[in-house]
Structures are given as structure tokens and as C-alpha cells.
Amino acid sequence: MARNELRPVVRLKSTAGTGFTYVTRKNRRNDPDRMTLRKYDPVAGRHVDFREER
């Protein structure tokens, strides 16, 4: 399976200021804007918003 620029690897950084990151892929055709997901931050010990960093 070829990896192209349609589904690039993106890093999601915690908005809690802990510096914790998740790594995932996204479809640029469906989501051209920056992605925001609500995930668990183990450093903060709670669920927070994670924003895509470029």
C-alpha cells in the first residue's frame, strides 16, 4: 500500500499545555482544516482537546 500525501501523518498536541501528543492520519480531501479531537491526556489525568500542529 503506497503512502501518499492524501492521508498524511499528523501530530495532535494537547491544549492542556502538558506537551503530550498523539500521532494519527487524516484524509485531506474530507478534512482540509486543522483537526481537533477530544482525547485522554495521561499527564493531565483527564480528557482534553488535542489540536493538529503543522
Protein backbone atom coordinates (compact mmCIF):
# COMPACT_ATOMS: atom_id res chain seq x y z
CA MET A 1 0.00 0.00 0.00
CA ALA A 2 1.53 3.26 -1.12
CA ARG A 3 1.62 6.17 1.32
CA ASN A 4 0.80 9.40 -0.41
CA GLU A 5 0.02 12.97 0.57
CA LEU A 6 -3.76 12.41 0.54
CA ARG A 7 -3.55 10.80 4.02
CA PRO A 8 -0.58 12.45 5.75
CA VAL A 9 0.62 11.70 9.28
CA VAL A 10 -0.41 14.49 11.68
CA ARG A 11 0.55 15.16 15.30
CA LEU A 12 -2.16 16.10 17.77
CA LYS A 13 -0.86 18.23 20.65
CA SER A 14 -2.65 18.65 23.97
CA THR A 15 -4.26 22.03 24.68
CA ALA A 16 -3.71 21.45 28.42
CA GLY A 17 -0.09 22.58 27.99
CA THR A 18 1.45 19.25 29.04
CA GLY A 19 3.25 18.66 25.75
CA PHE A 20 1.67 15.21 25.28
CA THR A 21 0.99 14.26 21.65
CA TYR A 22 -0.89 11.62 19.67
CA VAL A 23 0.06 10.62 16.11
CA THR A 24 -2.64 9.74 13.57
CA ARG A 25 -3.53 10.03 9.89
CA LYS A 26 -6.20 12.16 8.29
CA ASN A 27 -7.82 12.49 4.91
CA ARG A 28 -7.03 15.94 3.49
CA ARG A 29 -9.85 15.75 0.98
CA ASN A 30 -12.50 15.35 3.72
CA ASP A 31 -10.78 17.46 6.43
CA PRO A 32 -8.72 20.26 4.89
CA ASP A 33 -8.76 22.34 8.11
CA ARG A 34 -6.88 21.59 11.29
CA MET A 35 -8.27 18.62 13.15
CA THR A 36 -9.42 18.82 16.79
CA LEU A 37 -10.17 15.66 18.79
CA ARG A 38 -11.10 15.19 22.43
CA LYS A 39 -8.77 12.52 23.82
CA TYR A 40 -7.28 11.43 27.13
CA ASP A 41 -4.15 13.23 28.35
CA PRO A 42 -2.36 10.91 30.82
CA VAL A 43 -0.15 13.75 32.12
CA ALA A 44 -3.15 15.93 32.98
CA GLY A 45 -5.22 12.90 34.01
CA ARG A 46 -8.34 13.93 32.11
CA HIS A 47 -9.85 14.31 28.65
CA VAL A 48 -8.83 17.50 26.82
CA ASP A 49 -8.90 18.83 23.27
CA PHE A 50 -5.98 17.87 21.06
CA ARG A 51 -5.27 20.18 18.09
CA GLU A 52 -3.35 19.33 14.95
CA GLU A 53 0.04 21.01 14.75
CA ARG A 54 1.87 21.57 11.48
